Protein backbone atom coordinates (compact mmCIF):
# COMPACT_ATOMS: atom_id res chain seq x y z
CA MET A 1 42.98 11.64 -20.31
CA ARG A 2 43.92 15.14 -19.09
CA ALA A 3 41.65 16.79 -21.95
CA ARG A 4 38.83 14.43 -21.30
CA LEU A 5 39.00 15.04 -17.40
CA LYS A 6 39.17 18.73 -17.97
CA LYS A 7 35.90 18.63 -19.98
CA ILE A 8 34.26 16.70 -17.39
CA LEU A 9 35.00 19.02 -14.60
CA VAL A 10 33.66 22.00 -16.81
CA LEU A 11 30.47 20.24 -17.26
CA LEU A 12 30.24 19.56 -13.59
CA LEU A 13 30.53 23.29 -12.74
CA ALA A 14 28.04 24.11 -15.43
CA ALA A 15 25.36 21.71 -14.05
CA VAL A 16 25.99 23.12 -10.41
CA MET A 17 25.21 26.61 -11.75
CA LEU A 18 21.74 25.39 -12.94
CA LEU A 19 20.72 25.62 -9.40
CA SER A 20 20.17 29.28 -9.52
CA ALA A 21 17.12 28.57 -11.70
CA LEU A 22 15.61 25.76 -9.56
CA PRO A 23 12.54 26.60 -7.31
CA GLY A 24 13.42 27.00 -3.51
CA CYS A 25 17.14 27.25 -4.09
CA ALA A 26 17.63 31.07 -4.07
CA GLY A 27 20.89 32.08 -2.42
CA LEU A 28 23.15 29.18 -3.78
CA PHE A 29 26.51 30.68 -4.62
CA SER A 30 25.39 33.80 -2.86
CA THR A 31 27.38 36.91 -3.34
CA GLU A 32 29.39 38.19 -0.34
CA LYS A 33 27.08 41.10 0.11
CA CYS A 34 23.98 38.87 0.07
CA THR A 35 25.60 36.58 2.80
CA LYS A 36 26.19 39.31 5.16
CA GLU A 37 22.62 40.35 4.99
CA LYS A 38 21.64 37.02 6.47
CA GLU A 39 21.94 35.65 9.91
CA LYS A 40 23.87 32.51 9.85
CA VAL A 41 22.72 29.45 11.91
CA THR A 42 24.64 26.15 12.12
CA ILE A 43 22.58 22.97 12.66
CA GLY A 44 23.97 19.53 13.26
CA LEU A 45 21.46 16.99 12.05
CA TRP A 46 22.17 13.42 13.25
CA GLY A 47 21.16 11.36 10.34
CA ASN A 48 20.50 11.36 6.59
CA GLU A 49 16.87 11.31 6.90
CA LEU A 50 17.02 14.74 8.88
CA ILE A 51 19.10 16.22 6.21
CA GLU A 52 16.35 15.08 3.69
CA LYS A 53 13.35 16.11 5.64
CA TYR A 54 14.40 19.30 7.45
CA SER A 55 16.88 21.15 5.36
CA ARG A 56 14.65 22.20 2.63
CA TYR A 57 11.68 22.89 5.07
CA LEU A 58 13.79 25.13 7.18
CA CYS A 59 15.24 26.98 4.23
CA ASP A 60 11.74 27.75 2.93
CA ARG A 61 10.36 28.63 6.36
CA PHE A 62 13.25 31.05 7.21
CA PRO A 63 14.39 32.67 3.85
CA GLU A 64 16.15 35.26 5.90
CA VAL A 65 18.51 32.77 7.49
CA GLU A 66 21.77 31.46 6.00
CA PHE A 67 21.76 27.86 7.19
CA GLU A 68 24.71 25.51 7.58
CA PHE A 69 23.68 21.92 7.86
CA VAL A 70 26.11 19.31 8.74
CA LEU A 71 25.53 15.53 9.03
CA THR A 72 26.74 14.67 12.58
CA THR A 73 27.62 11.39 14.26
CA ASN A 74 24.79 9.89 16.24
CA SER A 75 26.94 10.24 19.65
CA LEU A 76 27.16 12.89 22.21
CA ASP A 77 30.98 12.23 22.09
CA TYR A 78 30.93 14.02 18.68
CA TYR A 79 29.46 17.10 20.31
CA ARG A 80 31.88 16.91 23.20
CA TYR A 81 34.80 16.73 20.68
CA ARG A 82 33.46 19.75 18.87
CA ASN A 83 33.12 21.55 22.28
CA ASP A 84 36.80 20.81 23.09
CA HIS A 85 37.61 22.84 20.06
CA GLY A 86 35.09 25.66 20.86
CA ASP A 87 33.09 24.80 17.91
CA LEU A 88 29.48 23.65 18.96
CA PRO A 89 26.62 24.05 16.26
CA ASP A 90 24.16 26.72 17.09
CA ILE A 91 21.54 23.82 17.18
CA LEU A 92 22.29 20.30 18.02
CA THR A 93 20.22 17.08 17.30
CA ILE A 94 21.03 13.46 18.53
CA ARG A 95 19.25 10.23 18.73
CA ARG A 96 21.34 8.05 21.12
CA PHE A 97 20.89 10.22 24.17
CA SER A 98 20.80 10.34 27.96
CA LEU A 99 21.02 13.26 30.31
CA ARG A 100 23.94 11.30 31.97
CA ASP A 101 25.98 11.40 28.67
CA ALA A 102 25.09 15.02 28.12
CA CYS A 103 26.21 16.30 31.54
CA LEU A 104 29.59 17.48 30.33
CA LEU A 105 27.84 19.77 27.90
CA LYS A 106 25.23 21.14 30.38
CA ASP A 107 27.00 24.48 30.97
CA LYS A 108 27.40 25.06 27.22
CA LEU A 109 23.82 24.63 26.39
CA TYR A 110 20.79 26.98 26.64
CA ASP A 111 18.19 26.43 29.41
CA LEU A 112 14.94 25.66 27.83
CA SER A 113 12.96 25.08 31.02
CA ASN A 114 11.01 28.41 30.78
CA THR A 115 10.28 28.48 27.08
CA LYS A 116 6.90 28.00 25.33
CA MET A 117 8.37 24.88 23.70
CA ALA A 118 8.96 23.27 27.11
CA ALA A 119 5.42 24.13 28.25
CA THR A 120 3.93 22.00 25.43
CA TYR A 121 5.17 18.64 26.78
CA ASN A 122 3.42 16.48 29.41
CA ASP A 123 5.31 16.48 32.70
CA THR A 124 5.73 12.78 32.41
CA TYR A 125 8.08 13.12 29.58
CA LEU A 126 9.57 16.53 30.43
CA ASP A 127 10.81 15.13 33.91
CA LEU A 128 13.05 12.81 32.11
CA TYR A 129 14.99 15.77 30.51
CA THR A 130 15.12 17.83 33.74
CA TYR A 131 18.28 17.91 35.82
CA GLU A 132 18.05 18.05 39.54
CA ASP A 133 18.44 21.80 39.45
CA GLY A 134 15.54 22.18 37.09
CA THR A 135 17.55 22.91 33.94
CA VAL A 136 16.18 21.50 30.78
CA ASN A 137 18.83 21.63 27.91
CA TRP A 138 17.15 18.99 25.46
CA LEU A 139 13.66 18.39 24.06
CA PRO A 140 12.42 15.36 22.27
CA ALA A 141 10.79 15.26 18.78
CA CYS A 142 8.21 12.53 17.91
CA ALA A 143 8.88 9.04 18.87
CA GLU A 144 9.55 5.65 17.43
CA VAL A 145 7.79 2.93 19.33
CA ASP A 146 9.65 -0.16 20.45
CA SER A 147 7.62 -3.19 21.86
CA ILE A 148 6.39 -6.80 21.04
CA ILE A 149 5.32 -7.33 17.45
CA ALA A 150 2.69 -10.17 17.26
CA ASN A 151 1.39 -12.13 14.29
CA LYS A 152 -2.48 -11.87 14.92
CA THR A 153 -3.11 -14.37 12.03
CA LEU A 154 -0.92 -16.95 13.62
CA PHE A 155 -2.69 -16.51 16.96
CA GLU A 156 -6.10 -17.12 15.14
CA GLU A 157 -4.84 -20.10 13.25
CA HIS A 158 -3.70 -21.92 16.23
CA HIS A 159 -6.52 -20.79 18.56
CA ILE A 160 -4.17 -19.16 20.99
CA ASP A 161 -5.40 -16.23 22.98
CA PRO A 162 -3.36 -13.05 22.49
CA PRO A 163 -1.61 -11.96 25.52
CA THR A 164 -2.84 -9.12 27.73
CA GLU A 165 -0.23 -9.22 30.53
CA TYR A 166 2.97 -11.12 31.45
CA ASP A 167 1.52 -14.50 32.57
CA SER A 168 -0.51 -14.89 29.33
CA PHE A 169 2.35 -13.80 27.34
CA ILE A 170 4.47 -16.78 28.85
CA ALA A 171 1.38 -18.92 28.19
CA ALA A 172 1.17 -18.01 24.58
CA CYS A 173 4.99 -18.68 24.08
CA LYS A 174 4.60 -22.18 25.54
CA ALA A 175 1.38 -22.85 23.44
CA PHE A 176 3.26 -21.99 20.16
CA ASP A 177 6.07 -24.14 21.27
CA ALA A 178 3.74 -26.93 21.41
CA GLU A 179 2.81 -26.28 17.91
CA GLY A 180 6.43 -26.32 16.67
CA ILE A 181 6.48 -22.52 16.37
CA ARG A 182 8.78 -20.16 18.40
CA GLY A 183 6.62 -18.05 20.65
CA PHE A 184 9.04 -15.20 21.12
CA SER A 185 12.69 -14.58 20.04
CA SER A 186 14.85 -11.48 19.21
CA ASN A 187 18.29 -10.30 18.17
CA TYR A 188 20.33 -10.13 21.12
CA GLY A 189 23.40 -9.73 19.07
CA GLU A 190 22.45 -6.10 18.92
CA ASP A 191 23.14 -3.81 21.89
CA TYR A 192 19.77 -1.96 21.77
CA THR A 193 17.57 -5.07 21.88
CA SER A 194 19.40 -6.17 25.15
CA MET A 195 18.83 -2.79 26.70
CA GLU A 196 15.26 -2.22 25.56
CA THR A 197 14.09 -5.81 26.50
CA LEU A 198 15.46 -5.35 29.98
CA GLN A 199 13.79 -2.12 30.43
CA GLY A 200 10.65 -2.73 28.52
CA PHE A 201 9.47 -5.70 30.50
CA SER A 202 10.25 -3.78 33.73
CA VAL A 203 8.92 -0.26 33.17
CA SER A 204 6.76 -0.48 36.34
CA SER A 205 9.83 -1.07 38.47
CA LEU A 206 11.67 1.84 36.72
CA LEU A 207 8.66 4.13 37.16
CA SER A 208 8.28 3.29 40.94
CA MET A 209 9.20 6.04 43.41
CA GLU A 210 12.57 4.45 43.91
CA GLY A 211 12.94 4.01 40.28
CA ARG A 212 12.19 7.49 39.35
CA LYS A 213 14.51 8.85 42.09
CA TRP A 214 17.35 6.44 40.96
CA ARG A 215 17.13 7.54 37.40
CA MET A 216 17.11 11.18 38.30
CA GLU A 217 20.29 10.66 40.31
CA TYR A 218 21.98 8.42 37.60
CA GLU A 219 21.17 10.80 34.90
CA SER A 220 22.54 13.76 36.86
CA GLY A 221 25.82 11.85 37.46
CA ALA A 222 25.14 11.45 41.39
CA VAL A 223 25.29 7.65 41.38
CA ASN A 224 27.06 5.14 39.20
CA GLN A 225 25.45 1.92 40.51
CA LEU A 226 22.24 0.17 39.98
CA SER A 227 19.74 0.36 42.85
CA GLU A 228 18.95 -3.06 44.20
CA ASP A 229 15.39 -2.23 44.91
CA VAL A 230 14.87 -1.05 41.38
CA TRP A 231 16.98 -3.31 39.28
CA MET A 232 16.89 -6.78 40.90
CA PRO A 233 13.20 -7.19 39.83
CA VAL A 234 14.40 -6.26 36.29
CA PHE A 235 16.84 -9.19 36.18
CA GLU A 236 14.46 -11.56 37.88
CA LYS A 237 11.94 -10.85 35.24
CA PHE A 238 14.48 -11.49 32.41
CA PHE A 239 15.58 -14.88 33.81
CA ASP A 240 12.07 -16.05 34.21
CA MET A 241 11.35 -14.95 30.45
CA LYS A 242 14.46 -16.82 29.44
CA GLU A 243 13.53 -19.90 31.04
CA ASN A 244 9.89 -19.97 29.80
CA THR A 245 10.35 -18.68 26.26
CA GLY A 246 13.22 -21.09 25.34
CA MET A 247 15.74 -18.33 24.65
CA GLY A 248 19.38 -19.27 24.74
CA VAL A 249 22.54 -19.20 22.92
CA ALA A 250 21.09 -18.92 19.40
CA GLU A 251 19.68 -15.57 20.23
CA THR A 252 23.21 -14.02 21.27
CA THR A 253 24.40 -13.86 17.80
CA MET A 254 21.18 -12.90 16.04
CA ILE A 255 21.43 -9.61 14.31
CA ASN A 256 18.73 -7.21 12.93
CA ARG A 257 17.03 -9.14 10.17
CA GLU A 258 17.25 -12.77 11.40
CA PRO A 259 14.14 -12.83 13.77
CA LYS A 260 12.27 -10.75 11.18
CA GLU A 261 12.97 -13.32 8.42
CA LEU A 262 11.76 -16.19 10.83
CA TYR A 263 8.63 -14.03 11.47
CA LYS A 264 7.97 -13.56 7.68
CA GLU A 265 8.19 -17.39 7.23
CA GLY A 266 5.45 -17.89 9.94
CA LYS A 267 8.11 -19.78 12.24
CA LEU A 268 8.01 -17.03 14.92
CA ALA A 269 4.96 -15.57 16.54
CA MET A 270 6.37 -12.59 18.55
CA TYR A 271 9.62 -10.58 18.56
CA ARG A 272 10.91 -7.18 19.84
CA GLY A 273 10.64 -4.64 17.18
CA THR A 274 9.33 -1.14 16.29
CA GLY A 275 6.50 0.64 14.54
CA THR A 276 8.41 0.58 11.33
CA ASP A 277 9.11 -3.23 11.53
CA VAL A 278 5.27 -3.78 11.82
CA ILE A 279 4.83 -2.27 8.38
CA ASN A 280 8.06 -3.68 6.89
CA PHE A 281 8.08 -7.11 8.41
CA SER A 282 4.37 -8.07 8.73
CA GLY A 283 4.69 -11.90 8.41
CA ARG A 284 3.61 -14.13 5.62
CA GLU A 285 1.73 -12.66 2.69
CA GLY A 286 -1.84 -11.76 3.93
CA ASP A 287 -0.89 -12.04 7.66
CA GLU A 288 -2.07 -9.29 9.99
CA SER A 289 0.39 -7.93 12.62
CA THR A 290 0.10 -5.68 15.59
CA LEU A 291 2.35 -3.90 18.06
CA LEU A 292 1.59 -5.08 21.58
CA PRO A 293 2.98 -3.23 24.69
CA TYR A 294 5.61 -4.74 26.92
CA PHE A 295 3.92 -6.80 29.42
CA GLY A 296 3.73 -6.16 33.20
CA ASP A 297 2.39 -8.22 35.98
CA SER A 298 -1.25 -6.90 35.18
CA ALA A 299 -2.75 -5.01 32.12
CA LYS A 300 -2.45 -1.67 33.97
CA ASP A 301 1.34 -2.32 34.19
CA ASN A 302 1.76 -2.54 30.34
CA TRP A 303 3.80 0.18 28.85
CA TYR A 304 5.23 0.94 25.49
CA LEU A 305 8.94 1.66 25.25
CA THR A 306 9.83 4.82 22.94
CA TYR A 307 12.89 6.61 21.68
CA PRO A 308 12.64 10.08 20.04
CA ALA A 309 13.66 10.44 16.30
CA PHE A 310 15.90 13.19 17.76
CA GLN A 311 16.47 15.40 20.70
CA VAL A 312 17.32 19.02 20.17
CA ALA A 313 19.36 21.61 22.12
CA ALA A 314 20.84 25.11 21.41
CA CYS A 315 24.39 26.19 22.16
CA LYS A 316 24.36 29.11 24.83
CA ASN A 317 27.18 31.00 22.85
CA GLY A 318 25.55 33.72 21.02
CA MET A 319 22.15 33.69 22.64
CA GLU A 320 23.06 36.86 24.77
CA ASP A 321 21.82 38.85 21.67
CA PRO A 322 18.00 38.76 22.14
CA LYS A 323 17.16 38.92 18.53
CA ARG A 324 19.51 35.92 17.78
CA GLU A 325 18.05 34.19 20.88
CA ALA A 326 14.62 34.70 19.64
CA LEU A 327 15.55 33.40 16.17
CA ILE A 328 17.17 30.25 17.43
CA LEU A 329 14.23 29.31 19.56
CA ASP A 330 11.94 30.08 16.48
CA ILE A 331 13.91 27.65 14.38
CA MET A 332 13.75 24.95 17.27
CA SER A 333 10.06 25.53 17.45
CA ALA A 334 9.62 25.10 13.83
CA MET A 335 11.35 21.68 14.12
CA LEU A 336 9.20 20.58 17.00
CA ASP A 337 5.80 22.13 15.99
CA GLN A 338 3.02 20.31 13.99
CA GLU A 339 4.41 21.17 10.48
CA GLY A 340 7.88 20.31 11.66
CA GLN A 341 7.00 16.81 13.14
CA ASN A 342 4.79 15.95 10.08
CA HIS A 343 8.05 16.12 8.07
CA ILE A 344 9.76 13.38 10.27
CA ALA A 345 6.71 11.35 10.94
CA HIS A 346 5.86 10.54 7.22
CA GLY A 347 5.30 6.84 7.82
CA LYS A 348 2.34 7.36 10.14
CA ASN A 349 4.21 5.14 12.69
CA MET A 350 5.40 7.84 15.20
CA ILE A 351 3.75 9.46 18.28
CA PRO A 352 4.37 12.88 19.68
CA TYR A 353 5.17 13.87 23.19
CA ASN A 354 3.82 17.36 22.90
CA ASN A 355 0.33 18.25 23.85
CA ASN A 356 0.01 20.53 20.84
CA VAL A 357 0.88 17.93 18.23
CA SER A 358 -1.25 15.21 16.69
CA LEU A 359 0.10 12.69 14.35
CA GLU A 360 -1.94 10.00 12.40
CA LEU A 361 -1.22 6.40 13.20
CA LEU A 362 -1.48 3.39 10.68
CA PRO A 363 -4.31 0.84 11.52
CA GLU A 364 -1.61 -1.68 12.60
CA LEU A 365 -0.68 0.60 15.56
CA SER A 366 -4.28 1.11 16.65
CA ASP A 367 -3.77 -0.99 19.83
CA MET A 368 -1.42 1.87 21.19
CA LYS A 369 -4.19 4.46 21.27
CA GLU A 370 -5.33 3.82 24.69
CA HIS A 371 -1.78 3.84 26.00
CA ILE A 372 -1.09 7.15 24.22
CA GLU A 373 -4.09 8.86 25.74
CA GLU A 374 -2.92 7.56 29.34
CA ASN A 375 0.70 8.85 28.48
CA LYS A 376 1.99 5.35 29.10
CA LEU A 377 4.91 5.86 26.91
CA TYR A 378 8.30 5.19 28.71
CA ILE A 379 11.34 6.99 27.22
CA ARG A 380 14.09 4.55 27.31
CA LEU A 381 17.25 5.20 29.43
CA ALA A 382 19.92 5.17 26.71
CA SER A 383 23.36 6.14 28.11
CA ASP A 384 26.26 4.81 26.19
CA GLU A 385 27.16 2.51 29.09
CA MET A 386 23.47 1.17 29.21
CA PHE A 387 23.71 -0.04 25.66
CA ARG A 388 27.27 -1.57 26.17
CA ILE A 389 26.66 -3.29 29.72
CA SER A 390 23.14 -4.44 28.92
CA GLN A 391 24.37 -6.57 25.99
CA ASP A 392 27.23 -7.94 28.02
CA VAL A 393 24.94 -9.08 30.79
CA VAL A 394 22.06 -10.33 28.71
CA VAL A 395 24.53 -12.30 26.40
CA LYS A 396 26.01 -13.90 29.52
CA ILE A 397 22.65 -14.84 30.82
CA LEU A 398 21.59 -16.50 27.73
CA THR A 399 24.82 -18.39 27.61
CA ARG A 400 24.40 -19.36 31.34
CA GLU A 401 27.62 -17.60 32.32
CA LEU A 402 25.58 -15.80 34.84
CA THR A 403 23.23 -18.25 36.49
CA THR A 404 21.18 -16.07 38.87
CA PRO A 405 19.57 -12.50 39.01
CA ARG A 406 22.01 -11.61 41.66
CA ASP A 407 25.01 -12.66 39.39
CA ALA A 408 23.53 -10.36 36.59
CA PHE A 409 23.02 -7.47 39.03
CA ASP A 410 26.57 -7.73 40.34
CA ARG A 411 28.11 -8.03 36.96
CA PHE A 412 26.25 -4.82 35.75
CA ASN A 413 27.47 -2.94 38.65
CA GLU A 414 30.93 -4.27 38.26
CA LEU A 415 31.18 -3.04 34.67
CA MET A 416 29.79 0.37 35.68
CA LEU A 417 32.72 0.93 37.91
CA GLU A 418 35.25 0.21 35.19
CA GLU A 419 36.93 3.30 34.00
CA ASN A 420 36.99 4.09 30.16
CA LYS A 421 40.40 3.79 28.82
CA SER A 422 41.62 6.71 26.69
CA ASP A 423 41.96 6.02 23.08
CA PRO A 424 45.40 6.15 21.59
CA VAL A 425 46.41 8.77 19.11
CA VAL A 426 46.54 7.29 15.66
CA CYS A 427 47.52 10.42 13.46
CA HIS A 428 48.43 13.97 13.52
CA LEU A 429 46.99 16.49 10.95
CA ASP A 430 49.20 19.55 10.28
CA ASN A 431 46.63 21.75 8.57
CA ALA A 432 43.27 22.85 9.54
CA TYR A 433 40.34 23.39 7.10
CA SER A 434 37.44 25.55 7.46
CA ASN A 435 33.82 23.95 6.88
CA VAL A 436 32.36 27.42 5.79
CA PHE A 437 31.34 27.57 2.15
CA ASP A 438 32.86 30.26 0.24
CA SER A 439 31.51 31.29 -3.21
CA LYS A 440 34.97 31.74 -4.72
CA GLY A 441 36.71 28.57 -2.95
CA GLY A 442 34.02 26.21 -1.92
CA ASN A 443 34.23 24.29 1.24
CA GLN A 444 37.89 23.71 2.30
CA ALA A 445 37.02 20.96 4.86
CA ALA A 446 34.82 18.98 2.42
CA SER A 447 37.32 19.35 -0.18
CA ALA A 448 40.17 18.05 1.92
CA ILE A 449 38.14 15.12 3.29
CA PHE A 450 36.69 13.93 -0.11
CA GLY A 451 39.79 14.58 -1.94
CA THR A 452 41.47 12.02 0.29
CA VAL A 453 38.72 9.67 -0.15
CA ARG A 454 38.88 10.10 -3.78
CA LYS A 455 42.61 9.27 -3.88
CA GLU A 456 42.15 6.16 -1.59
CA ALA A 457 39.49 5.11 -4.03
CA HIS A 458 41.83 5.73 -7.10
CA THR A 459 39.12 7.60 -8.99
CA ASP A 460 39.26 10.80 -11.15
CA LEU A 461 36.20 12.45 -9.53
CA LEU A 462 34.11 12.03 -6.39
CA PHE A 463 30.45 13.29 -6.27
CA ALA A 464 29.09 13.83 -2.83
CA GLN A 465 27.26 16.47 -0.66
CA GLU A 466 29.41 18.72 1.34
CA CYS A 467 27.23 18.37 4.40
CA TYR A 468 28.54 14.99 4.86
CA ALA A 469 31.74 16.67 6.00
CA SER A 470 30.74 16.86 9.69
CA GLY A 471 32.36 20.07 10.78
CA GLU A 472 35.91 21.73 10.69
CA VAL A 473 39.11 19.81 10.22
CA TYR A 474 41.15 20.77 13.18
CA SER A 475 44.96 20.57 13.30
CA GLY A 476 46.47 18.41 15.85
CA ASP A 477 46.33 14.74 17.12
CA TYR A 478 43.37 12.58 16.40
CA THR A 479 42.19 9.20 17.88
CA GLU A 480 40.54 6.61 15.53
CA LYS A 481 37.22 7.68 16.93
CA GLU A 482 37.83 11.30 16.16
CA ILE A 483 39.05 10.69 12.72
CA GLY A 484 35.68 8.95 12.13
CA TYR A 485 33.89 12.28 13.30
CA LEU A 486 35.29 14.05 10.16
CA THR A 487 32.57 12.52 7.83
CA LYS A 488 29.39 10.73 8.44
CA ASN A 489 27.02 8.48 6.51
CA ASP A 490 24.15 7.40 8.77
CA GLY A 491 22.21 5.52 6.40
CA GLY A 492 24.72 2.73 5.52
CA ILE A 493 24.70 4.01 1.93
CA GLN A 494 27.42 2.12 0.01
CA PRO A 495 29.54 4.22 -2.40
CA ILE A 496 29.37 3.45 -6.00
CA ILE A 497 32.22 3.42 -8.33
CA ALA A 498 31.43 3.64 -11.88
CA ASP A 499 33.02 4.54 -15.37
CA LEU A 500 31.20 7.41 -16.84
CA THR A 501 31.49 9.55 -19.95
CA GLY A 502 31.32 13.30 -19.52
CA GLU A 503 27.76 13.12 -20.84
CA GLN A 504 26.72 10.72 -18.35
CA LEU A 505 28.36 12.60 -15.55
CA TYR A 506 26.56 15.81 -16.62
CA GLN A 507 23.21 13.82 -16.54
CA LEU A 508 23.98 12.43 -13.20
CA VAL A 509 24.70 15.96 -11.62
CA GLU A 510 21.61 17.53 -13.33
CA ILE A 511 19.11 14.98 -12.33
CA THR A 512 20.45 14.96 -8.82
CA LEU A 513 20.18 18.65 -8.32
CA GLN A 514 16.67 18.64 -9.65
CA GLU A 515 15.52 16.31 -6.85
CA ASN A 516 12.99 17.96 -4.61
CA ASN A 517 12.76 15.22 -1.89
CA GLY A 518 14.83 12.27 -0.78
CA ARG A 519 18.53 11.62 -0.63
CA GLY A 520 20.72 14.12 -2.11
CA VAL A 521 18.34 16.92 -1.93
CA VAL A 522 20.01 20.26 -2.41
CA CYS A 523 18.53 23.42 -1.02
CA ASN A 524 21.41 25.69 -0.07
CA ASP A 525 25.14 26.11 -0.27
CA SER A 526 25.89 23.83 2.56
CA THR A 527 23.95 20.86 0.93
CA LEU A 528 25.76 21.33 -2.35
């Protein structure tokens, strides 16, 4: 076994060395002299897809830069954890985002308010990223759209008028119920559905003068309670919708795919979903679907809810050097310009917030064009507590534990006042490991993390990309959440354990390293 394992390791190294001959991969296993000639820039990319879409693109666009890519956790807590160790990446990206959660990082991040990048955004959207003092630390990339997916074919078959505002939406739900088909349902077993439904059907209230003021104060940390003028109408609308659509206990345990499966079987006419869902879950074979807006009291009050593929910010540390400052801003601009957003909007189901970016939409999303032109795209309020508390309140409404809008309003405010309990320490690590790739010793942090995984899995070898190690391994105490920050797999990819011969292992590595697109693409040392 010892001789066989040694042979496999030799073949593994031989396959990796083939990278020097692959196009677009110059600089792998760079010499120390070559590395010093390049400016090093660390980028935290929040999801597998960003690693796939941006790493090669940025390496090709900035050949003079030595990039270090890490796959980060989709939580601002991760960046606060790294900041506590004085170790923020140069460029940060995140999807689950709110200014409120980002407040603790405000003084550590670069102010983008006077940059050319910020000037490309419509004020409607830029205002939602602006603190009360005028600071802008984060900017959004193109957006996923979240709204009501409707089966147009079902409407036509049953001679039911498609809804154009809230009252006709309720009328359509009742008409389908009379035909033995659920009019509307969704997966309230997920926190995001609870939060997005509350906000989506009530955008006009959130965009009132009082609503805008409340959101700015909430996001800036000035208030920690809901405004009665703004939020009582939100709960009144949800109670009315519950009573008139037949939603109840069954929806409280529904998870992501359940309403989509009902929809595919023709048993459900409408559900809350995204532009991606319109494409992937379009109903029965031959059915035509569309993405309708969240309905207000009149057609002019209809809005689409949106959330960016990511928000991007820059660490202030190091930006004192004008040349480095210009480089970091150029890289961020490349992520947000037309070419950059084309890389993330590959499915033709996303919309830009920038005035200088145009993205093609699929025919299924054509109903959105008028709303896009009118900038009627509300960016969700997505603080951690909004996710958590919205689900608690919505579930209690659907199970009738909360029986009035006032009960729901009071419950929400009660939970907002609760102090977060500090997590207990679960382990202590004596040794620290660097996440910097070295041509002689590789990546110590990745080796320590994946070596531990390999031992726990009882395998001889482990094959993974080092960018899945999400940063340095620090010495000291760790909570369970912090241990989770050491490595990340956002896409839910399941590990595969297999028995391979040395030849098969060689083929696996060789084929993987020749991939130009998709999962596992290798473009520089940090993505090996």
